Amino acid sequence: MNSKRILHQIKQHQPSVLGHEQFRKFSVLLPLMEKDGEIHVLFEVRASTLRRQPGEICFPGGKIDPDDPSARLAAIRETEEELGIGRGQLSDVHPLDYLVSPFGMIVYAFAGYLNTDESAFEKNPDEVKELFTVPLSFFMDQEPEIHYVHFEAQPAENFPYELIPGGENYNWRTRQMEEYFYQYGDKVIWGMTARILAHFVDVLKKKQ
């Protein structure tokens, strides 16, 4: 391969997250709606029968299917399916920052506006146990609590220590992950949902 061919290949390459092909990809929507004369954020409580994170609070969303034309349309599809609404009841869907999880996931987050009230929802009971809203003003005024989870490297038994400087005494980096928490009445919003929410609030505050 000559230099001209190498430079052409580099020029044509579109950068992404290294190793993204191995990541599971999800898309979620932070839904906004008007209620009692102000803007609220809508949340779901996951059905207790779900295998992953039953009973936890989340935004509508799920895995991006091969048939989804984009992450944005995947978020719209999942929201429509979980809330039981039609395409005309959701508008102004715009991207937030995406999140790369240490657990092998890329989560694409969006915010959008629900042009309806709660009486129009026909939630999918297989996925959603409960719906509730919180005034956006609460999150604008309330800083999240931040707690930390620490991860330590544990190489496999057959790891080739002889190939790296320091061998078994190699100084592995430990990872510290922030976990965000909001408490509203008896509802605890935490984890990735709270992290996306805190980012959304930061975006709004920067624009003010």
N, C-alpha and C. Protein backbone atom coordinates (compact mmCIF):
# COMPACT_ATOMS: atom_id res chain seq x y z
N MET A 1 0.86 -1.19 0.00
CA MET A 1 0.00 0.00 0.00
C MET A 1 0.90 1.24 0.00
N ASN A 2 0.70 2.12 -0.99
CA ASN A 2 1.54 3.31 -1.09
C ASN A 2 0.98 4.46 -0.26
N SER A 3 1.76 5.55 -0.14
CA SER A 3 1.38 6.68 0.71
C SER A 3 0.11 7.36 0.22
N LYS A 4 -0.08 7.42 -1.11
CA LYS A 4 -1.28 8.06 -1.65
C LYS A 4 -2.54 7.31 -1.23
N ARG A 5 -2.46 5.97 -1.29
CA ARG A 5 -3.60 5.13 -0.90
C ARG A 5 -3.87 5.26 0.61
N ILE A 6 -2.80 5.27 1.41
CA ILE A 6 -2.95 5.41 2.86
C ILE A 6 -3.63 6.73 3.21
N LEU A 7 -3.16 7.82 2.63
CA LEU A 7 -3.74 9.14 2.92
C LEU A 7 -5.19 9.23 2.46
N HIS A 8 -5.51 8.58 1.33
CA HIS A 8 -6.89 8.57 0.85
C HIS A 8 -7.80 7.85 1.84
N GLN A 9 -7.33 6.71 2.35
CA GLN A 9 -8.13 5.95 3.31
C GLN A 9 -8.38 6.74 4.59
N ILE A 10 -7.34 7.44 5.07
CA ILE A 10 -7.49 8.25 6.28
C ILE A 10 -8.48 9.39 6.04
N LYS A 11 -8.37 10.02 4.87
CA LYS A 11 -9.24 11.15 4.54
C LYS A 11 -10.70 10.72 4.49
N GLN A 12 -10.96 9.50 4.00
CA GLN A 12 -12.33 9.02 3.86
C GLN A 12 -12.92 8.52 5.18
N HIS A 13 -12.07 8.27 6.16
CA HIS A 13 -12.56 7.69 7.42
C HIS A 13 -13.37 8.70 8.23
N GLN A 14 -14.52 8.26 8.73
CA GLN A 14 -15.35 9.07 9.60
C GLN A 14 -15.13 8.63 11.04
N PRO A 15 -14.58 9.51 11.91
CA PRO A 15 -14.25 9.09 13.28
C PRO A 15 -15.49 8.75 14.10
N SER A 16 -15.32 7.77 14.96
CA SER A 16 -16.39 7.35 15.86
C SER A 16 -15.72 6.87 17.14
N VAL A 17 -16.48 6.21 18.00
CA VAL A 17 -15.92 5.63 19.21
C VAL A 17 -15.15 4.37 18.84
N LEU A 18 -13.89 4.30 19.24
CA LEU A 18 -13.06 3.15 18.90
C LEU A 18 -13.67 1.87 19.47
N GLY A 19 -13.87 0.87 18.61
CA GLY A 19 -14.47 -0.39 19.04
C GLY A 19 -15.98 -0.36 19.13
N HIS A 20 -16.60 0.65 18.52
CA HIS A 20 -18.06 0.81 18.67
C HIS A 20 -18.84 -0.37 18.12
N GLU A 21 -18.24 -1.13 17.22
CA GLU A 21 -18.96 -2.28 16.64
C GLU A 21 -19.31 -3.31 17.71
N GLN A 22 -18.51 -3.38 18.76
CA GLN A 22 -18.75 -4.36 19.83
C GLN A 22 -19.69 -3.82 20.91
N PHE A 23 -20.01 -2.54 20.87
CA PHE A 23 -20.88 -1.95 21.88
C PHE A 23 -22.35 -2.22 21.54
N ARG A 24 -23.15 -2.46 22.59
CA ARG A 24 -24.60 -2.48 22.40
C ARG A 24 -25.08 -1.03 22.37
N LYS A 25 -26.00 -0.74 21.49
CA LYS A 25 -26.43 0.65 21.27
C LYS A 25 -27.89 0.83 21.66
N PHE A 26 -28.15 1.84 22.48
CA PHE A 26 -29.48 2.14 22.97
C PHE A 26 -29.81 3.61 22.69
N SER A 27 -31.09 3.90 22.69
CA SER A 27 -31.55 5.27 22.47
C SER A 27 -32.68 5.57 23.45
N VAL A 28 -32.61 6.74 24.09
CA VAL A 28 -33.65 7.13 25.06
C VAL A 28 -34.12 8.54 24.77
N LEU A 29 -35.31 8.84 25.27
CA LEU A 29 -35.90 10.17 25.08
C LEU A 29 -36.28 10.77 26.42
N LEU A 30 -35.85 11.99 26.66
CA LEU A 30 -36.26 12.76 27.83
C LEU A 30 -37.52 13.54 27.42
N PRO A 31 -38.72 13.09 27.87
CA PRO A 31 -39.97 13.70 27.39
C PRO A 31 -40.39 14.91 28.25
N LEU A 32 -40.69 15.99 27.58
CA LEU A 32 -41.20 17.18 28.23
C LEU A 32 -42.67 17.35 27.88
N MET A 33 -43.45 17.86 28.83
CA MET A 33 -44.86 18.11 28.56
C MET A 33 -45.36 19.23 29.46
N GLU A 34 -46.43 19.86 29.04
CA GLU A 34 -47.01 20.94 29.85
C GLU A 34 -48.06 20.35 30.78
N LYS A 35 -47.99 20.75 32.05
CA LYS A 35 -48.93 20.27 33.05
C LYS A 35 -49.07 21.32 34.14
N ASP A 36 -50.30 21.62 34.51
CA ASP A 36 -50.56 22.61 35.56
C ASP A 36 -49.87 23.93 35.29
N GLY A 37 -49.81 24.31 34.02
CA GLY A 37 -49.27 25.61 33.65
C GLY A 37 -47.76 25.71 33.62
N GLU A 38 -47.05 24.57 33.74
CA GLU A 38 -45.59 24.60 33.65
C GLU A 38 -45.07 23.35 32.96
N ILE A 39 -43.80 23.36 32.64
CA ILE A 39 -43.18 22.24 31.95
C ILE A 39 -42.78 21.16 32.96
N HIS A 40 -43.17 19.93 32.67
CA HIS A 40 -42.81 18.78 33.49
C HIS A 40 -41.95 17.80 32.68
N VAL A 41 -41.20 16.98 33.39
CA VAL A 41 -40.46 15.87 32.79
C VAL A 41 -41.21 14.58 33.11
N LEU A 42 -41.43 13.77 32.09
CA LEU A 42 -42.14 12.50 32.28
C LEU A 42 -41.16 11.37 32.52
N PHE A 43 -41.48 10.51 33.48
CA PHE A 43 -40.66 9.34 33.80
C PHE A 43 -41.51 8.07 33.76
N GLU A 44 -40.83 6.95 33.56
CA GLU A 44 -41.45 5.65 33.66
C GLU A 44 -40.89 4.89 34.85
N VAL A 45 -41.72 4.05 35.45
CA VAL A 45 -41.24 3.03 36.40
C VAL A 45 -41.29 1.71 35.64
N ARG A 46 -40.15 1.05 35.54
CA ARG A 46 -40.08 -0.17 34.75
C ARG A 46 -40.91 -1.29 35.38
N ALA A 47 -41.53 -2.11 34.54
CA ALA A 47 -42.35 -3.21 35.01
C ALA A 47 -41.53 -4.17 35.87
N SER A 48 -42.15 -4.73 36.89
CA SER A 48 -41.46 -5.63 37.81
C SER A 48 -41.11 -6.97 37.17
N THR A 49 -41.70 -7.26 36.02
CA THR A 49 -41.45 -8.53 35.33
C THR A 49 -40.25 -8.46 34.38
N LEU A 50 -39.69 -7.29 34.18
CA LEU A 50 -38.57 -7.15 33.26
C LEU A 50 -37.31 -7.79 33.84
N ARG A 51 -36.50 -8.36 32.97
CA ARG A 51 -35.27 -9.03 33.41
C ARG A 51 -34.23 -8.03 33.88
N ARG A 52 -34.11 -6.91 33.18
CA ARG A 52 -33.11 -5.90 33.53
C ARG A 52 -33.75 -4.74 34.30
N GLN A 53 -33.21 -4.43 35.44
CA GLN A 53 -33.58 -3.25 36.24
C GLN A 53 -35.09 -3.12 36.48
N PRO A 54 -35.74 -4.19 36.95
CA PRO A 54 -37.18 -4.08 37.24
C PRO A 54 -37.45 -3.07 38.35
N GLY A 55 -38.51 -2.29 38.19
CA GLY A 55 -38.92 -1.34 39.22
C GLY A 55 -38.13 -0.06 39.26
N GLU A 56 -37.11 0.09 38.41
CA GLU A 56 -36.31 1.31 38.43
C GLU A 56 -36.97 2.39 37.57
N ILE A 57 -36.59 3.63 37.84
CA ILE A 57 -37.13 4.78 37.12
C ILE A 57 -36.25 5.07 35.91
N CYS A 58 -36.88 5.33 34.78
CA CYS A 58 -36.13 5.55 33.56
C CYS A 58 -36.89 6.48 32.62
N PHE A 59 -36.26 6.78 31.50
CA PHE A 59 -36.91 7.45 30.38
C PHE A 59 -37.35 6.40 29.36
N PRO A 60 -38.31 6.73 28.50
CA PRO A 60 -38.64 5.80 27.41
C PRO A 60 -37.41 5.55 26.55
N GLY A 61 -37.27 4.32 26.11
CA GLY A 61 -36.13 4.01 25.25
C GLY A 61 -35.83 2.53 25.24
N GLY A 62 -34.81 2.17 24.49
CA GLY A 62 -34.43 0.77 24.41
C GLY A 62 -33.35 0.56 23.37
N LYS A 63 -33.14 -0.69 23.04
CA LYS A 63 -32.08 -1.06 22.11
C LYS A 63 -32.42 -0.58 20.70
N ILE A 64 -31.40 -0.08 20.01
CA ILE A 64 -31.58 0.33 18.62
C ILE A 64 -31.64 -0.92 17.76
N ASP A 65 -32.74 -1.09 17.04
CA ASP A 65 -32.93 -2.26 16.19
C ASP A 65 -32.22 -2.06 14.85
N PRO A 66 -31.84 -3.16 14.17
CA PRO A 66 -31.22 -3.04 12.85
C PRO A 66 -32.10 -2.31 11.84
N ASP A 67 -33.43 -2.38 12.05
CA ASP A 67 -34.36 -1.73 11.11
C ASP A 67 -34.54 -0.25 11.40
N ASP A 68 -34.04 0.25 12.53
CA ASP A 68 -34.18 1.67 12.85
C ASP A 68 -33.25 2.49 11.95
N PRO A 69 -33.80 3.48 11.23
CA PRO A 69 -32.94 4.28 10.33
C PRO A 69 -31.90 5.12 11.07
N SER A 70 -32.18 5.48 12.33
CA SER A 70 -31.26 6.32 13.09
C SER A 70 -31.55 6.15 14.58
N ALA A 71 -30.62 6.64 15.40
CA ALA A 71 -30.83 6.61 16.85
C ALA A 71 -32.02 7.48 17.24
N ARG A 72 -32.19 8.60 16.56
CA ARG A 72 -33.31 9.50 16.84
C ARG A 72 -34.65 8.80 16.59
N LEU A 73 -34.77 8.12 15.47
CA LEU A 73 -36.03 7.44 15.15
C LEU A 73 -36.25 6.24 16.06
N ALA A 74 -35.16 5.64 16.55
CA ALA A 74 -35.31 4.56 17.53
C ALA A 74 -35.89 5.10 18.83
N ALA A 75 -35.43 6.27 19.28
CA ALA A 75 -35.97 6.88 20.50
C ALA A 75 -37.45 7.22 20.33
N ILE A 76 -37.81 7.72 19.16
CA ILE A 76 -39.21 8.06 18.89
C ILE A 76 -40.06 6.79 18.88
N ARG A 77 -39.58 5.75 18.21
CA ARG A 77 -40.32 4.49 18.14
C ARG A 77 -40.55 3.92 19.53
N GLU A 78 -39.50 3.85 20.33
CA GLU A 78 -39.63 3.29 21.67
C GLU A 78 -40.59 4.11 22.53
N THR A 79 -40.55 5.41 22.40
CA THR A 79 -41.45 6.27 23.18
C THR A 79 -42.90 6.04 22.79
N GLU A 80 -43.14 5.95 21.50
CA GLU A 80 -44.51 5.69 21.03
C GLU A 80 -45.02 4.34 21.52
N GLU A 81 -44.16 3.34 21.46
CA GLU A 81 -44.58 2.00 21.88
C GLU A 81 -44.83 1.92 23.38
N GLU A 82 -43.97 2.54 24.17
CA GLU A 82 -44.10 2.42 25.62
C GLU A 82 -45.21 3.29 26.20
N LEU A 83 -45.44 4.46 25.59
CA LEU A 83 -46.49 5.35 26.08
C LEU A 83 -47.82 5.13 25.37
N GLY A 84 -47.81 4.41 24.25
CA GLY A 84 -49.04 4.19 23.51
C GLY A 84 -49.56 5.44 22.84
N ILE A 85 -48.65 6.20 22.23
CA ILE A 85 -49.05 7.44 21.56
C ILE A 85 -48.74 7.35 20.07
N GLY A 86 -49.32 8.28 19.31
CA GLY A 86 -49.09 8.34 17.88
C GLY A 86 -47.98 9.32 17.54
N ARG A 87 -47.49 9.23 16.31
CA ARG A 87 -46.38 10.07 15.86
C ARG A 87 -46.68 11.56 16.01
N GLY A 88 -47.91 11.98 15.81
CA GLY A 88 -48.23 13.39 15.90
C GLY A 88 -48.24 13.94 17.31
N GLN A 89 -48.12 13.08 18.31
CA GLN A 89 -48.15 13.53 19.70
C GLN A 89 -46.76 13.78 20.27
N LEU A 90 -45.74 13.66 19.43
CA LEU A 90 -44.36 13.89 19.86
C LEU A 90 -43.68 14.77 18.83
N SER A 91 -43.03 15.83 19.29
CA SER A 91 -42.40 16.75 18.35
C SER A 91 -41.10 17.30 18.92
N ASP A 92 -40.39 18.01 18.06
CA ASP A 92 -39.16 18.72 18.46
C ASP A 92 -38.19 17.81 19.20
N VAL A 93 -37.87 16.70 18.58
CA VAL A 93 -36.93 15.73 19.16
C VAL A 93 -35.51 16.11 18.73
N HIS A 94 -34.68 16.49 19.71
CA HIS A 94 -33.33 16.97 19.41
C HIS A 94 -32.30 16.22 20.26
N PRO A 95 -31.08 16.06 19.74
CA PRO A 95 -30.07 15.26 20.44
C PRO A 95 -29.43 15.98 21.62
N LEU A 96 -29.14 15.20 22.66
CA LEU A 96 -28.26 15.61 23.74
C LEU A 96 -26.93 14.89 23.52
N ASP A 97 -26.00 15.01 24.46
CA ASP A 97 -24.76 14.26 24.35
C ASP A 97 -25.04 12.76 24.48
N TYR A 98 -24.25 11.95 23.77
CA TYR A 98 -24.40 10.51 23.96
C TYR A 98 -23.45 10.04 25.05
N LEU A 99 -23.76 8.90 25.62
CA LEU A 99 -23.03 8.39 26.78
C LEU A 99 -22.40 7.05 26.43
N VAL A 100 -21.11 6.92 26.73
CA VAL A 100 -20.41 5.65 26.55
C VAL A 100 -20.25 5.01 27.92
N SER A 101 -20.93 3.91 28.12
CA SER A 101 -20.95 3.25 29.42
C SER A 101 -19.73 2.34 29.58
N PRO A 102 -19.19 2.22 30.81
CA PRO A 102 -18.10 1.27 31.04
C PRO A 102 -18.55 -0.19 30.92
N PHE A 103 -19.86 -0.39 30.73
CA PHE A 103 -20.40 -1.75 30.64
C PHE A 103 -20.72 -2.15 29.20
N GLY A 104 -20.03 -1.51 28.25
CA GLY A 104 -20.15 -1.93 26.86
C GLY A 104 -21.39 -1.42 26.16
N MET A 105 -21.88 -0.23 26.53
CA MET A 105 -23.06 0.34 25.89
C MET A 105 -22.76 1.76 25.41
N ILE A 106 -23.37 2.13 24.31
CA ILE A 106 -23.44 3.53 23.88
C ILE A 106 -24.91 3.92 23.93
N VAL A 107 -25.21 4.97 24.68
CA VAL A 107 -26.59 5.42 24.85
C VAL A 107 -26.75 6.79 24.19
N TYR A 108 -27.62 6.86 23.20
CA TYR A 108 -27.90 8.10 22.50
C TYR A 108 -29.14 8.73 23.15
N ALA A 109 -28.98 9.95 23.65
CA ALA A 109 -30.07 10.61 24.39
C ALA A 109 -30.64 11.76 23.57
N PHE A 110 -31.95 11.91 23.67
CA PHE A 110 -32.67 12.98 22.98
C PHE A 110 -33.66 13.61 23.95
N ALA A 111 -34.06 14.83 23.65
CA ALA A 111 -35.15 15.48 24.38
C ALA A 111 -36.24 15.81 23.37
N GLY A 112 -37.49 15.69 23.79
CA GLY A 112 -38.60 15.97 22.89
C GLY A 112 -39.82 16.44 23.65
N TYR A 113 -40.79 16.94 22.91
CA TYR A 113 -41.98 17.53 23.53
C TYR A 113 -43.22 16.69 23.23
N LEU A 114 -43.96 16.34 24.28
CA LEU A 114 -45.21 15.60 24.13
C LEU A 114 -46.37 16.58 23.98
N ASN A 115 -47.03 16.52 22.84
CA ASN A 115 -48.15 17.43 22.57
C ASN A 115 -49.47 16.82 23.01
N THR A 116 -49.53 16.41 24.26
CA THR A 116 -50.73 15.76 24.76
C THR A 116 -50.71 15.80 26.28
N ASP A 117 -51.77 15.34 26.90
CA ASP A 117 -51.77 15.24 28.36
C ASP A 117 -51.78 13.76 28.75
N GLU A 118 -51.71 13.50 30.04
CA GLU A 118 -51.55 12.13 30.52
C GLU A 118 -52.73 11.22 30.20
N SER A 119 -53.90 11.81 29.96
CA SER A 119 -55.07 10.99 29.67
C SER A 119 -54.94 10.25 28.33
N ALA A 120 -54.02 10.72 27.47
CA ALA A 120 -53.86 10.09 26.16
C ALA A 120 -52.92 8.90 26.19
N PHE A 121 -52.21 8.70 27.30
CA PHE A 121 -51.24 7.61 27.36
C PHE A 121 -51.92 6.26 27.56
N GLU A 122 -51.48 5.28 26.82
CA GLU A 122 -51.91 3.89 27.01
C GLU A 122 -50.63 3.06 27.17
N LYS A 123 -50.05 3.15 28.36
CA LYS A 123 -48.72 2.57 28.58
C LYS A 123 -48.72 1.07 28.33
N ASN A 124 -47.59 0.59 27.87
CA ASN A 124 -47.41 -0.83 27.60
C ASN A 124 -47.12 -1.53 28.94
N PRO A 125 -48.05 -2.34 29.46
CA PRO A 125 -47.86 -2.95 30.79
C PRO A 125 -46.71 -3.96 30.85
N ASP A 126 -46.29 -4.47 29.70
CA ASP A 126 -45.17 -5.40 29.69
C ASP A 126 -43.85 -4.69 30.01
N GLU A 127 -43.81 -3.38 29.81
CA GLU A 127 -42.57 -2.64 30.02
C GLU A 127 -42.70 -1.55 31.09
N VAL A 128 -43.91 -1.03 31.25
CA VAL A 128 -44.09 0.15 32.10
C VAL A 128 -45.09 -0.15 33.21
N LYS A 129 -44.66 -0.02 34.44
CA LYS A 129 -45.54 -0.23 35.59
C LYS A 129 -46.31 1.05 35.91
N GLU A 130 -45.64 2.20 35.76
CA GLU A 130 -46.23 3.46 36.22
C GLU A 130 -45.58 4.61 35.47
N LEU A 131 -46.35 5.69 35.29
CA LEU A 131 -45.85 6.94 34.73
C LEU A 131 -46.04 8.04 35.76
N PHE A 132 -45.09 8.95 35.83
CA PHE A 132 -45.26 10.11 36.70
C PHE A 132 -44.46 11.27 36.13
N THR A 133 -44.78 12.47 36.56
CA THR A 133 -44.06 13.65 36.08
C THR A 133 -43.50 14.44 37.26
N VAL A 134 -42.47 15.21 36.96
CA VAL A 134 -41.84 16.10 37.94
C VAL A 134 -41.66 17.46 37.27
N PRO A 135 -42.00 18.54 37.94
CA PRO A 135 -41.78 19.86 37.32
C PRO A 135 -40.31 20.06 36.97
N LEU A 136 -40.06 20.57 35.78
CA LEU A 136 -38.69 20.84 35.37
C LEU A 136 -38.01 21.82 36.34
N SER A 137 -38.79 22.72 36.90
CA SER A 137 -38.24 23.71 37.83
C SER A 137 -37.56 23.05 39.03
N PHE A 138 -38.06 21.87 39.44
CA PHE A 138 -37.45 21.16 40.56
C PHE A 138 -35.99 20.83 40.25
N PHE A 139 -35.74 20.33 39.04
CA PHE A 139 -34.38 19.95 38.66
C PHE A 139 -33.51 21.18 38.38
N MET A 140 -34.13 22.26 37.93
CA MET A 140 -33.36 23.48 37.71
C MET A 140 -32.85 24.05 39.03
N ASP A 141 -33.62 23.83 40.10
CA ASP A 141 -33.26 24.38 41.40
C ASP A 141 -32.49 23.41 42.29
N GLN A 142 -32.60 22.11 41.99
CA GLN A 142 -32.06 21.08 42.87
C GLN A 142 -30.81 20.45 42.27
N GLU A 143 -29.68 20.58 42.94
CA GLU A 143 -28.47 19.91 42.48
C GLU A 143 -28.56 18.42 42.81
N PRO A 144 -28.08 17.56 41.92
CA PRO A 144 -28.11 16.13 42.23
C PRO A 144 -27.07 15.77 43.29
N GLU A 145 -27.37 14.73 44.06
CA GLU A 145 -26.34 14.15 44.92
C GLU A 145 -25.44 13.29 44.04
N ILE A 146 -24.15 13.30 44.32
CA ILE A 146 -23.21 12.49 43.54
C ILE A 146 -22.46 11.57 44.49
N HIS A 147 -22.53 10.28 44.20
CA HIS A 147 -21.80 9.28 44.96
C HIS A 147 -20.92 8.49 43.98
N TYR A 148 -19.97 7.76 44.53
CA TYR A 148 -18.95 7.16 43.67
C TYR A 148 -18.89 5.64 43.82
N VAL A 149 -18.65 4.99 42.69
CA VAL A 149 -18.42 3.55 42.65
C VAL A 149 -17.01 3.35 42.12
N HIS A 150 -16.22 2.51 42.79
CA HIS A 150 -14.84 2.28 42.39
C HIS A 150 -14.70 0.90 41.74
N PHE A 151 -13.95 0.87 40.64
CA PHE A 151 -13.68 -0.38 39.93
C PHE A 151 -12.18 -0.64 39.95
N GLU A 152 -11.79 -1.86 40.20
CA GLU A 152 -10.39 -2.24 40.16
C GLU A 152 -10.16 -3.29 39.08
N ALA A 153 -8.99 -3.19 38.44
CA ALA A 153 -8.66 -4.15 37.38
C ALA A 153 -8.34 -5.51 37.98
N GLN A 154 -8.90 -6.56 37.42
CA GLN A 154 -8.61 -7.93 37.83
C GLN A 154 -8.32 -8.76 36.58
N PRO A 155 -7.05 -8.82 36.17
CA PRO A 155 -6.70 -9.59 34.97
C PRO A 155 -7.07 -11.06 35.12
N ALA A 156 -7.36 -11.70 34.01
CA ALA A 156 -7.70 -13.12 34.00
C ALA A 156 -6.48 -13.95 34.41
N GLU A 157 -6.74 -15.20 34.80
CA GLU A 157 -5.67 -16.07 35.30
C GLU A 157 -4.57 -16.28 34.27
N ASN A 158 -4.93 -16.30 32.99
CA ASN A 158 -3.92 -16.55 31.95
C ASN A 158 -3.36 -15.26 31.36
N PHE A 159 -3.51 -14.14 32.06
CA PHE A 159 -3.00 -12.87 31.55
C PHE A 159 -1.47 -12.94 31.43
N PRO A 160 -0.89 -12.50 30.28
CA PRO A 160 0.56 -12.64 30.06
C PRO A 160 1.37 -11.53 30.74
N TYR A 161 1.50 -11.62 32.04
CA TYR A 161 2.25 -10.59 32.79
C TYR A 161 3.68 -10.44 32.26
N GLU A 162 4.25 -11.52 31.75
CA GLU A 162 5.65 -11.47 31.30
C GLU A 162 5.84 -10.55 30.10
N LEU A 163 4.74 -10.14 29.46
CA LEU A 163 4.85 -9.29 28.27
C LEU A 163 4.75 -7.80 28.59
N ILE A 164 4.50 -7.44 29.84
CA ILE A 164 4.31 -6.03 30.17
C ILE A 164 5.33 -5.58 31.21
N PRO A 165 5.75 -4.32 31.17
CA PRO A 165 6.70 -3.81 32.17
C PRO A 165 6.10 -3.91 33.57
N GLY A 166 6.87 -4.42 34.51
CA GLY A 166 6.39 -4.55 35.88
C GLY A 166 5.76 -5.89 36.18
N GLY A 167 5.40 -6.63 35.16
CA GLY A 167 4.81 -7.94 35.36
C GLY A 167 3.60 -7.90 36.29
N GLU A 168 3.59 -8.81 37.26
CA GLU A 168 2.45 -8.89 38.19
C GLU A 168 2.34 -7.67 39.08
N ASN A 169 3.40 -6.85 39.13
CA ASN A 169 3.37 -5.63 39.95
C ASN A 169 2.98 -4.40 39.14
N TYR A 170 2.47 -4.63 37.93
CA TYR A 170 2.06 -3.50 37.10
C TYR A 170 1.04 -2.64 37.85
N ASN A 171 1.22 -1.33 37.74
CA ASN A 171 0.36 -0.39 38.47
C ASN A 171 -0.88 -0.09 37.62
N TRP A 172 -1.92 -0.92 37.80
CA TRP A 172 -3.16 -0.74 37.03
C TRP A 172 -3.89 0.50 37.51
N ARG A 173 -4.51 1.18 36.58
CA ARG A 173 -5.35 2.32 36.94
C ARG A 173 -6.69 1.83 37.49
N THR A 174 -7.14 2.46 38.54
CA THR A 174 -8.49 2.17 39.03
C THR A 174 -9.44 3.20 38.45
N ARG A 175 -10.69 2.81 38.30
CA ARG A 175 -11.69 3.72 37.71
C ARG A 175 -12.71 4.11 38.76
N GLN A 176 -13.06 5.38 38.75
CA GLN A 176 -14.08 5.89 39.65
C GLN A 176 -15.25 6.40 38.81
N MET A 177 -16.43 5.87 39.07
CA MET A 177 -17.61 6.27 38.30
C MET A 177 -18.57 7.06 39.18
N GLU A 178 -19.03 8.18 38.66
CA GLU A 178 -20.00 8.99 39.38
C GLU A 178 -21.41 8.45 39.19
N GLU A 179 -22.15 8.34 40.26
CA GLU A 179 -23.56 7.98 40.19
C GLU A 179 -24.38 9.17 40.72
N TYR A 180 -25.31 9.63 39.90
CA TYR A 180 -26.12 10.80 40.24
C TYR A 180 -27.45 10.35 40.85
N PHE A 181 -27.94 11.14 41.81
CA PHE A 181 -29.21 10.85 42.47
C PHE A 181 -30.05 12.12 42.60
N TYR A 182 -31.34 12.00 42.25
CA TYR A 182 -32.35 13.01 42.59
C TYR A 182 -33.43 12.31 43.41
N GLN A 183 -33.91 12.96 44.44
CA GLN A 183 -35.03 12.43 45.23
C GLN A 183 -36.19 13.41 45.16
N TYR A 184 -37.33 12.91 44.70
CA TYR A 184 -38.54 13.73 44.59
C TYR A 184 -39.67 12.97 45.27
N GLY A 185 -40.04 13.40 46.47
CA GLY A 185 -41.04 12.64 47.23
C GLY A 185 -40.52 11.25 47.50
N ASP A 186 -41.31 10.24 47.14
CA ASP A 186 -40.88 8.86 47.35
C ASP A 186 -40.18 8.27 46.12
N LYS A 187 -39.88 9.11 45.14
CA LYS A 187 -39.23 8.65 43.91
C LYS A 187 -37.73 8.93 43.96
N VAL A 188 -36.94 7.93 43.63
CA VAL A 188 -35.50 8.09 43.55
C VAL A 188 -35.08 7.90 42.09
N ILE A 189 -34.58 8.95 41.49
CA ILE A 189 -34.12 8.93 40.11
C ILE A 189 -32.60 8.89 40.16
N TRP A 190 -32.00 7.82 39.64
CA TRP A 190 -30.56 7.69 39.79
C TRP A 190 -29.95 7.02 38.57
N GLY A 191 -28.63 6.86 38.62
CA GLY A 191 -27.93 6.16 37.55
C GLY A 191 -27.90 6.94 36.25
N MET A 192 -27.97 6.20 35.15
CA MET A 192 -27.87 6.82 33.83
C MET A 192 -28.98 7.82 33.57
N THR A 193 -30.19 7.53 34.06
CA THR A 193 -31.32 8.45 33.88
C THR A 193 -31.01 9.79 34.54
N ALA A 194 -30.51 9.74 35.77
CA ALA A 194 -30.17 10.98 36.49
C ALA A 194 -29.01 11.69 35.81
N ARG A 195 -28.07 10.94 35.27
CA ARG A 195 -26.92 11.56 34.59
C ARG A 195 -27.37 12.31 33.34
N ILE A 196 -28.24 11.70 32.56
CA ILE A 196 -28.77 12.37 31.36
C ILE A 196 -29.57 13.60 31.76
N LEU A 197 -30.36 13.47 32.81
CA LEU A 197 -31.17 14.59 33.30
C LEU A 197 -30.29 15.75 33.75
N ALA A 198 -29.22 15.45 34.49
CA ALA A 198 -28.30 16.50 34.95
C ALA A 198 -27.63 17.19 33.76
N HIS A 199 -27.28 16.42 32.74
CA HIS A 199 -26.69 17.00 31.52
C HIS A 199 -27.70 17.92 30.83
N PHE A 200 -28.94 17.48 30.73
CA PHE A 200 -29.99 18.30 30.11
C PHE A 200 -30.15 19.63 30.85
N VAL A 201 -30.17 19.58 32.18
CA VAL A 201 -30.28 20.80 32.98
C VAL A 201 -29.08 21.72 32.73
N ASP A 202 -27.89 21.12 32.65
CA ASP A 202 -26.69 21.92 32.37
C ASP A 202 -26.79 22.64 31.03
N VAL A 203 -27.32 21.94 30.03
CA VAL A 203 -27.50 22.55 28.71
C VAL A 203 -28.44 23.75 28.81
N LEU A 204 -29.54 23.60 29.55
CA LEU A 204 -30.49 24.71 29.69
C LEU A 204 -29.87 25.88 30.45
N LYS A 205 -29.10 25.60 31.47
CA LYS A 205 -28.50 26.68 32.27
C LYS A 205 -27.44 27.42 31.49
N LYS A 206 -26.71 26.73 30.62
CA LYS A 206 -25.69 27.39 29.82
C LYS A 206 -26.29 28.35 28.80
N LYS A 207 -27.52 28.07 28.39
CA LYS A 207 -28.18 28.90 27.40
C LYS A 207 -28.85 30.12 28.02
N GLN A 208 -28.98 30.14 29.34
CA GLN A 208 -29.67 31.24 29.99
C GLN A 208 -28.75 32.46 30.08
